[in-house]
Amino acid sequence: MPMEITPDRWRATGEYLDTVFGEQDDQLATLMPRAVAAGVPDIAVSPSVGRLLTLLGQLAGAHTIVEVGTLAGYSGIWLARGLAEGGRLITIEPEPAHADFAAAEFIAAGVADRVEIRRGYGLDVLPELVRTMGAGSVGLVFLDAIKTEYPDYLPYATELLRPGGLLVADNALGSGSWWIDAKPGESAERDAADEFNRLVAASDEYEAACVPIREGVTIARKRG
């Protein structure tokens, strides 16, 4: 019989993954406490997911990465460290105070020369990137913003990605207030994540899977 995943076992698994695979330098390890002290919400990927983001960027050979949802800049630092030489991270953030905090953290982490913060909402900035950068110009797109907008981000991400590029979405299985096993209609965020996952899984444009790490990470490789 399969091992039962209890809440305690799931918590212990996350702690194990962060300990073994999520080694952080002092900059990353102290970033979120500084963010909370500055009034930024205590929301970020785990260290093990951060390490995964760096690895995925390296595996994709990403010269350009687009991140939707900067917040405090924690995941952005991991992404920037996975860029190919001379690469660029474009990270999108609508809240000015969050963008300002992240900008300072990018400087402190030594990646500011590789990072451009676009201030605005994903659904406003993504179409602009498609117009100005063109189709097939991006090696990796990371979604970690407004969950109910994930299905709306998908067409823009798909157009931006080059063949072989990676689409990565955090909170594919849940968040603090919902989990994917909830009944449809109980949570708009749950329903949007489910719709996004099903769209990606059924798309002829992607080969996709979901990694059940932390709150779920959907990873899809654009075909072609």
Protein backbone atom coordinates (compact mmCIF):
# COMPACT_ATOMS: atom_id res chain seq x y z
CA MET A 1 0.00 0.00 0.00
CA PRO A 2 1.22 3.54 -0.67
CA MET A 3 2.60 5.52 2.24
CA GLU A 4 0.02 7.91 3.68
CA ILE A 5 1.08 11.55 3.44
CA THR A 6 -0.03 13.06 6.74
CA PRO A 7 0.33 16.78 7.51
CA ASP A 8 3.28 16.03 9.80
CA ARG A 9 4.97 13.89 7.15
CA TRP A 10 4.41 16.56 4.47
CA ARG A 11 5.90 19.21 6.77
CA ALA A 12 8.89 17.01 7.58
CA THR A 13 9.40 16.29 3.89
CA GLY A 14 9.51 20.00 3.09
CA GLU A 15 12.01 20.60 5.87
CA TYR A 16 14.17 17.72 4.62
CA LEU A 17 14.15 19.04 1.04
CA ASP A 18 15.09 22.54 2.18
CA THR A 19 17.90 21.17 4.34
CA VAL A 20 19.38 18.88 1.69
CA PHE A 21 18.64 20.76 -1.54
CA GLY A 22 17.99 24.34 -0.42
CA GLU A 23 21.34 25.61 0.84
CA GLN A 24 21.27 29.43 0.92
CA ASP A 25 23.88 32.12 1.27
CA ASP A 26 23.44 34.79 3.95
CA GLN A 27 21.74 37.16 1.52
CA LEU A 28 18.95 34.71 0.71
CA ALA A 29 18.67 33.29 4.23
CA THR A 30 18.01 36.71 5.74
CA LEU A 31 15.97 38.24 2.91
CA MET A 32 12.46 37.35 4.01
CA PRO A 33 12.92 38.43 7.66
CA ARG A 34 14.09 41.80 6.30
CA ALA A 35 11.13 41.88 3.93
CA VAL A 36 8.63 41.24 6.71
CA ALA A 37 10.25 43.92 8.86
CA ALA A 38 9.82 46.32 5.92
CA GLY A 39 6.13 45.49 5.59
CA VAL A 40 6.39 43.13 2.62
CA PRO A 41 4.13 40.05 2.92
CA ASP A 42 5.84 36.88 4.12
CA ILE A 43 5.33 35.08 0.81
CA ALA A 44 8.11 33.38 -1.12
CA VAL A 45 9.08 30.06 -2.63
CA SER A 46 10.94 27.66 -0.35
CA PRO A 47 14.74 27.32 -0.63
CA SER A 48 14.36 23.94 -2.34
CA VAL A 49 12.01 25.44 -4.95
CA GLY A 50 14.48 28.30 -5.37
CA ARG A 51 17.25 25.80 -6.10
CA LEU A 52 14.93 24.14 -8.62
CA LEU A 53 14.38 27.48 -10.37
CA THR A 54 18.13 28.02 -10.72
CA LEU A 55 18.57 24.51 -12.07
CA LEU A 56 15.70 24.87 -14.57
CA GLY A 57 17.15 28.11 -15.89
CA GLN A 58 20.50 26.42 -16.36
CA LEU A 59 18.98 23.36 -18.03
CA ALA A 60 17.01 25.61 -20.39
CA GLY A 61 20.11 27.64 -21.23
CA ALA A 62 17.93 30.67 -20.61
CA HIS A 63 19.32 33.98 -21.86
CA THR A 64 16.05 35.72 -21.01
CA ILE A 65 13.73 34.84 -18.13
CA VAL A 66 10.39 36.51 -17.42
CA GLU A 67 9.02 36.34 -13.88
CA VAL A 68 5.44 37.38 -13.13
CA GLY A 69 5.38 38.36 -9.46
CA THR A 70 8.54 39.86 -7.94
CA LEU A 71 7.36 40.58 -4.40
CA ALA A 72 10.53 40.76 -2.23
CA GLY A 73 12.88 39.47 -4.93
CA TYR A 74 13.64 36.11 -3.30
CA SER A 75 12.73 33.92 -6.27
CA GLY A 76 14.16 36.52 -8.63
CA ILE A 77 17.63 36.07 -7.14
CA TRP A 78 17.43 32.31 -7.65
CA LEU A 79 16.27 32.85 -11.24
CA ALA A 80 18.96 35.42 -11.99
CA ARG A 81 21.60 32.97 -10.81
CA GLY A 82 20.34 30.44 -13.34
CA LEU A 83 20.71 32.74 -16.36
CA ALA A 84 23.12 31.98 -19.14
CA GLU A 85 26.14 34.30 -19.35
CA GLY A 86 25.04 37.78 -20.35
CA GLY A 87 21.41 36.89 -19.67
CA ARG A 88 18.60 39.05 -18.34
CA LEU A 89 15.71 38.55 -15.91
CA ILE A 90 12.62 40.68 -16.48
CA THR A 91 10.50 40.57 -13.34
CA ILE A 92 7.02 42.10 -13.10
CA GLU A 93 5.66 43.70 -9.92
CA PRO A 94 2.67 46.06 -9.51
CA GLU A 95 3.28 47.18 -5.93
CA PRO A 96 5.83 50.07 -5.80
CA ALA A 97 7.00 49.33 -2.25
CA HIS A 98 7.64 45.69 -3.10
CA ALA A 99 9.50 46.63 -6.28
CA ASP A 100 11.67 49.11 -4.37
CA PHE A 101 12.53 46.53 -1.72
CA ALA A 102 13.36 43.90 -4.34
CA ALA A 103 15.55 46.34 -6.27
CA ALA A 104 17.70 46.88 -3.18
CA GLU A 105 17.92 43.12 -2.61
CA PHE A 106 19.03 42.52 -6.20
CA ILE A 107 21.85 45.01 -5.65
CA ALA A 108 22.86 43.35 -2.37
CA ALA A 109 22.82 39.92 -4.03
CA GLY A 110 25.07 41.11 -6.85
CA VAL A 111 22.56 40.38 -9.63
CA ALA A 112 21.16 43.87 -10.30
CA ASP A 113 23.04 44.12 -13.60
CA ARG A 114 21.05 41.10 -14.80
CA VAL A 115 17.62 42.18 -13.56
CA GLU A 116 15.06 44.59 -14.96
CA ILE A 117 11.97 45.31 -12.86
CA ARG A 118 8.84 46.13 -14.88
CA ARG A 119 6.38 47.92 -12.63
CA GLY A 120 2.83 46.92 -13.45
CA TYR A 121 0.39 44.04 -13.49
CA GLY A 122 1.17 40.88 -15.37
CA LEU A 123 -1.78 41.19 -17.72
CA ASP A 124 -0.64 44.70 -18.68
CA VAL A 125 3.09 44.02 -18.99
CA LEU A 126 3.02 40.60 -20.69
CA PRO A 127 1.26 41.85 -23.87
CA GLU A 128 3.80 44.69 -23.98
CA LEU A 129 6.66 42.19 -23.81
CA VAL A 130 5.13 40.18 -26.65
CA ARG A 131 4.98 43.36 -28.77
CA THR A 132 8.45 44.64 -27.96
CA MET A 133 10.44 41.41 -27.63
CA GLY A 134 8.61 39.24 -30.10
CA ALA A 135 7.55 35.62 -30.15
CA GLY A 136 10.05 32.97 -29.16
CA SER A 137 12.35 35.39 -27.37
CA VAL A 138 12.31 33.91 -23.85
CA GLY A 139 13.91 30.78 -22.41
CA LEU A 140 11.89 30.50 -19.19
CA VAL A 141 8.69 32.07 -17.84
CA PHE A 142 7.99 31.77 -14.10
CA LEU A 143 4.47 32.48 -12.84
CA ASP A 144 3.99 33.35 -9.18
CA ALA A 145 1.52 36.22 -9.10
CA ILE A 146 -2.28 36.51 -8.98
CA LYS A 147 -3.46 32.90 -9.03
CA THR A 148 -6.85 33.63 -10.57
CA GLU A 149 -5.02 35.11 -13.57
CA TYR A 150 -2.86 32.06 -14.33
CA PRO A 151 -5.05 30.89 -17.25
CA ASP A 152 -4.91 34.42 -18.68
CA TYR A 153 -1.11 34.53 -18.44
CA LEU A 154 -0.80 31.30 -20.42
CA PRO A 155 -1.30 32.60 -23.99
CA TYR A 156 1.28 35.38 -23.50
CA ALA A 157 3.78 33.02 -21.87
CA THR A 158 3.33 30.55 -24.71
CA GLU A 159 3.97 33.22 -27.33
CA LEU A 160 7.04 34.54 -25.54
CA LEU A 161 8.68 31.14 -25.05
CA ARG A 162 11.04 29.76 -27.67
CA PRO A 163 10.79 26.10 -28.67
CA GLY A 164 12.43 24.12 -25.86
CA GLY A 165 11.74 26.93 -23.38
CA LEU A 166 10.22 26.22 -19.98
CA LEU A 167 6.98 27.42 -18.43
CA VAL A 168 7.11 27.11 -14.63
CA ALA A 169 4.23 27.92 -12.28
CA ASP A 170 4.31 27.99 -8.49
CA ASN A 171 1.25 27.17 -6.33
CA ALA A 172 0.07 24.59 -8.84
CA LEU A 173 -1.41 22.46 -6.04
CA GLY A 174 -2.24 24.92 -3.30
CA SER A 175 -1.48 27.90 -1.12
CA GLY A 176 -2.14 29.05 2.41
CA SER A 177 -5.91 29.26 2.00
CA TRP A 178 -6.70 26.44 -0.46
CA TRP A 179 -5.58 23.07 -1.79
CA ILE A 180 -6.28 21.37 -5.09
CA ASP A 181 -8.48 18.68 -3.49
CA ALA A 182 -11.15 21.28 -2.59
CA LYS A 183 -14.44 20.99 -4.43
CA PRO A 184 -14.84 23.17 -7.54
CA GLY A 185 -16.42 26.46 -6.62
CA GLU A 186 -15.02 26.59 -3.07
CA SER A 187 -12.01 28.71 -4.04
CA ALA A 188 -11.49 30.88 -7.11
CA GLU A 189 -7.73 30.42 -6.77
CA ARG A 190 -8.07 26.64 -6.63
CA ASP A 191 -10.31 26.65 -9.69
CA ALA A 192 -7.90 28.87 -11.64
CA ALA A 193 -4.90 26.68 -10.75
CA ASP A 194 -6.85 23.59 -11.80
CA GLU A 195 -7.86 25.24 -15.07
CA PHE A 196 -4.27 26.30 -15.74
CA ASN A 197 -2.88 22.84 -15.00
CA ARG A 198 -5.43 21.16 -17.26
CA LEU A 199 -4.85 23.65 -20.08
CA VAL A 200 -1.10 23.07 -19.99
CA ALA A 201 -1.42 19.29 -19.66
CA ALA A 202 -3.82 19.08 -22.61
CA SER A 203 -1.97 21.54 -24.84
CA ASP A 204 -0.29 20.25 -27.98
CA GLU A 205 2.31 22.98 -27.46
CA TYR A 206 3.73 21.56 -24.21
CA GLU A 207 5.13 18.47 -22.59
CA ALA A 208 4.20 19.00 -18.96
CA ALA A 209 4.34 17.57 -15.45
CA CYS A 210 3.68 18.80 -11.93
CA VAL A 211 6.26 18.34 -9.19
CA PRO A 212 4.58 17.99 -5.77
CA ILE A 213 7.21 20.01 -3.93
CA ARG A 214 6.03 22.55 -1.32
CA GLU A 215 2.76 23.85 -2.84
CA GLY A 216 3.26 22.31 -6.27
CA VAL A 217 5.32 23.43 -9.26
CA THR A 218 4.03 22.82 -12.77
CA ILE A 219 6.87 22.54 -15.32
CA ALA A 220 6.16 22.48 -19.05
CA ARG A 221 8.57 22.39 -21.99
CA LYS A 222 7.40 24.10 -25.15
CA ARG A 223 7.48 21.73 -28.10
CA GLY A 224 8.86 22.52 -31.52
